[in-house]
Protein backbone atom coordinates (compact mmCIF):
# COMPACT_ATOMS: atom_id res chain seq x y z
CA MET A 1 -45.82 -6.33 15.29
CA THR A 2 -49.46 -5.39 15.29
CA GLN A 3 -51.64 -4.46 12.33
CA LYS A 4 -54.75 -2.33 12.36
CA ASN A 5 -57.12 -5.00 10.87
CA ASP A 6 -58.74 -7.99 12.66
CA ASP A 7 -55.64 -10.15 12.03
CA THR A 8 -53.26 -9.57 14.91
CA LYS A 9 -49.66 -10.77 14.55
CA VAL A 10 -47.36 -11.15 17.34
CA MET A 11 -43.64 -11.81 17.13
CA MET A 12 -42.16 -13.96 19.90
CA TYR A 13 -38.67 -13.45 21.12
CA LYS A 14 -36.77 -16.00 23.25
CA MET A 15 -35.30 -14.20 26.20
CA ALA A 16 -32.49 -15.60 28.35
CA ASN A 17 -32.30 -14.78 31.99
CA ARG A 18 -28.51 -14.61 32.58
CA LEU A 19 -28.98 -13.87 36.29
CA LYS A 20 -30.68 -17.21 36.89
CA GLU A 21 -27.79 -18.93 35.14
CA ARG A 22 -25.19 -17.22 37.32
CA VAL A 23 -26.86 -18.24 40.60
CA GLY A 24 -27.19 -21.82 39.47
CA PHE A 25 -30.81 -21.96 38.38
CA ASN A 26 -30.76 -24.45 35.60
CA ALA A 27 -34.34 -25.72 35.46
CA PRO A 28 -35.10 -28.26 32.78
CA LYS A 29 -37.64 -27.02 30.31
CA ASP A 30 -40.53 -29.14 31.75
CA SER A 31 -39.59 -28.78 35.40
CA GLU A 32 -41.32 -26.65 38.04
CA GLY A 33 -37.91 -25.30 39.16
CA PHE A 34 -34.43 -26.17 40.36
CA LEU A 35 -31.95 -24.57 42.67
CA ASN A 36 -28.45 -25.76 42.68
CA PRO A 37 -27.80 -27.54 45.97
CA ALA A 38 -24.26 -26.29 46.01
CA ALA A 39 -25.46 -22.66 45.90
CA ILE A 40 -27.87 -23.42 48.78
CA GLU A 41 -25.14 -25.07 50.82
CA GLU A 42 -22.87 -22.04 50.23
CA ALA A 43 -25.59 -19.66 51.37
CA ASP A 44 -26.24 -21.74 54.45
CA LYS A 45 -22.53 -21.58 55.37
CA LEU A 46 -22.45 -17.82 54.92
CA ILE A 47 -25.52 -17.44 57.13
CA ALA A 48 -24.01 -19.70 59.74
CA GLU A 49 -20.82 -17.56 59.81
CA VAL A 50 -22.87 -14.38 60.26
CA CYS A 51 -24.96 -15.88 62.97
CA ALA A 52 -21.96 -17.17 64.90
CA THR A 53 -21.08 -13.51 65.67
CA CYS A 54 -24.59 -12.30 65.88
CA PRO A 55 -24.61 -11.29 69.61
CA GLU A 56 -21.42 -9.30 69.16
CA THR A 57 -22.76 -7.59 65.97
CA ILE A 58 -25.95 -6.71 67.82
CA SER A 59 -23.85 -5.20 70.66
CA LYS A 60 -21.96 -3.02 68.18
CA HIS A 61 -25.25 -1.89 66.58
CA LEU A 62 -26.62 -1.08 70.03
CA ALA A 63 -23.59 1.07 70.89
CA THR A 64 -24.18 2.90 67.61
CA LEU A 65 -27.89 3.40 68.47
CA ASP A 66 -26.91 4.76 71.93
CA ALA A 67 -24.59 7.32 70.26
CA LEU A 68 -27.19 8.25 67.70
CA TRP A 69 -29.89 8.56 70.38
CA GLU A 70 -27.71 10.89 72.42
CA ALA A 71 -27.22 13.05 69.30
CA MET A 72 -30.95 13.10 68.66
CA ARG A 73 -31.75 14.17 72.22
CA SER A 74 -29.25 16.92 72.45
CA GLY A 75 -29.34 18.18 68.76
CA SER A 76 -31.33 20.76 67.00
CA PRO A 77 -34.45 19.72 65.01
CA ALA A 78 -32.37 19.44 61.80
CA GLU A 79 -29.76 17.37 63.59
CA ARG A 80 -32.48 15.15 65.05
CA ASP A 81 -33.79 14.44 61.57
CA ALA A 82 -30.38 13.45 60.36
CA SER A 83 -29.83 11.22 63.41
CA ALA A 84 -33.28 9.73 62.98
CA THR A 85 -32.36 8.56 59.45
CA LYS A 86 -29.32 6.82 60.90
CA VAL A 87 -31.38 5.40 63.78
CA PHE A 88 -33.83 3.99 61.18
CA ALA A 89 -30.96 2.33 59.23
CA THR A 90 -29.34 0.87 62.33
CA ALA A 91 -32.65 -0.46 63.74
CA HIS A 92 -33.24 -2.01 60.37
CA GLU A 93 -29.86 -3.68 60.46
CA ILE A 94 -30.58 -5.00 63.93
CA LYS A 95 -33.93 -6.36 62.76
CA ASP A 96 -32.53 -8.14 59.78
CA ILE A 97 -29.55 -9.85 61.51
CA SER A 98 -31.59 -10.72 64.55
CA ALA A 99 -34.34 -12.27 62.44
CA MET A 100 -31.89 -14.20 60.30
CA CYS A 101 -30.15 -15.64 63.31
CA GLY A 102 -33.30 -16.51 65.27
CA PHE A 103 -33.31 -13.70 67.78
CA GLU A 104 -37.03 -13.06 67.11
CA LEU A 105 -37.72 -10.83 70.14
CA ILE A 106 -34.88 -8.40 69.40
CA ALA A 107 -36.03 -8.33 65.75
CA TYR A 108 -39.58 -7.49 66.99
CA PHE A 109 -38.46 -4.44 68.96
CA ALA A 110 -35.97 -3.30 66.37
CA GLU A 111 -38.65 -3.40 63.70
CA SER A 112 -41.08 -1.51 65.96
CA LEU A 113 -38.37 1.22 66.50
CA ARG A 114 -37.68 1.40 62.85
CA ASP A 115 -41.31 1.71 61.97
CA TYR A 116 -41.79 4.39 64.71
CA ILE A 117 -38.95 6.41 63.28
CA GLU A 118 -40.28 5.99 59.70
CA LYS A 119 -43.93 6.76 60.19
CA THR A 120 -44.03 9.33 62.99
CA ASN A 121 -43.54 13.07 62.96
CA LEU A 122 -40.74 13.25 65.42
CA ASN A 123 -40.90 15.55 68.45
CA LEU A 124 -38.55 15.53 71.34
CA GLN A 125 -41.07 14.68 74.12
CA ALA A 126 -42.37 11.62 72.30
CA GLN A 127 -38.97 10.58 71.19
CA ILE A 128 -37.59 10.58 74.71
CA VAL A 129 -40.15 8.12 75.88
CA ILE A 130 -40.74 5.92 72.85
CA VAL A 131 -37.18 5.58 71.47
CA GLN A 132 -35.82 5.00 74.99
CA ALA A 133 -38.44 2.34 75.63
CA HIS A 134 -37.45 0.50 72.47
CA LEU A 135 -33.74 0.75 73.31
CA ASP A 136 -34.36 -0.46 76.81
CA ALA A 137 -36.38 -3.43 75.63
CA ILE A 138 -33.75 -4.44 72.99
CA LYS A 139 -30.96 -4.19 75.59
CA VAL A 140 -32.83 -6.26 78.14
CA VAL A 141 -33.61 -8.98 75.55
CA HIS A 142 -30.02 -8.88 74.25
CA HIS A 143 -28.50 -9.03 77.72
CA ARG A 144 -30.56 -12.05 78.69
CA GLY A 145 -29.84 -13.83 75.36
CA VAL A 146 -33.45 -14.47 74.63
CA LYS A 147 -33.97 -15.80 71.11
CA LYS A 148 -37.55 -16.68 70.66
CA ASP A 149 -40.74 -15.71 72.59
CA GLY A 150 -39.30 -14.90 76.01
CA GLY A 151 -42.51 -15.77 77.93
CA PRO A 152 -44.22 -13.44 80.36
CA GLU A 153 -41.27 -11.03 80.59
CA ALA A 154 -41.34 -10.58 76.84
CA GLU A 155 -45.09 -9.88 76.91
CA GLU A 156 -44.50 -7.25 79.67
CA LEU A 157 -41.82 -5.52 77.60
CA LYS A 158 -44.09 -5.49 74.61
CA ARG A 159 -46.89 -3.99 76.75
CA MET A 160 -44.64 -1.36 78.09
CA VAL A 161 -43.33 -0.29 74.73
CA GLN A 162 -46.87 -0.21 73.28
CA LYS A 163 -48.00 1.85 76.28
CA ALA A 164 -45.34 4.40 75.54
CA ILE A 165 -46.28 4.48 71.88
CA ASP A 166 -50.05 4.92 72.64
CA LYS A 167 -49.47 7.62 75.13
CA PHE A 168 -47.39 9.78 72.85
CA GLN A 169 -48.68 9.20 69.41
C-alpha cells in the first residue's frame, strides 16, 4: 500500500512457486540452488530413449518434408503458404531432435531452412533452388550419418546452400 506523503509503506507477501516444488526444486533458503538428482536422471533417460531412435525419426520427418515440398511446388500461392507453415514446423522439429541427439550438421541445415521459410517472402523460383538445396544437404548428411562437423564435405555443403540463398534473396 502506498501513501501520498514522503512516508512510503510497502506490504510484502510471501509467494510460493508451486511449479518449482513439482519438478523437485527444493533449494534451502540460503543456498544458490538445487535440482533434484532423481529428476535429472529421469530427464537423461528420456533423452537417451529419444536419441536411440533419432535417425529413424529424422527419416520420417524427411519423408514429411519431401511430401510438403512437393505440395509447395505444385500448389497455388495460397497452398504454398499453407505448406510453408508445415515445412517451417517440420524443419524446426528436425532441428530440435538433431541438436538434442548430437547431429549438429543436420540441425544446422534444418535451422537454416526454418529461418529461410520464416523470414523470406516466398516465391516459386527462389523456393525451388533454396528449399531443394536445404533438403539435399540434410539428406546427404543424414545418409552419411554425420553427427558433428563433417569436415570439408560439410563446408562445401554449407557453401552451396549459402550460394543458393545469396543468389535468390
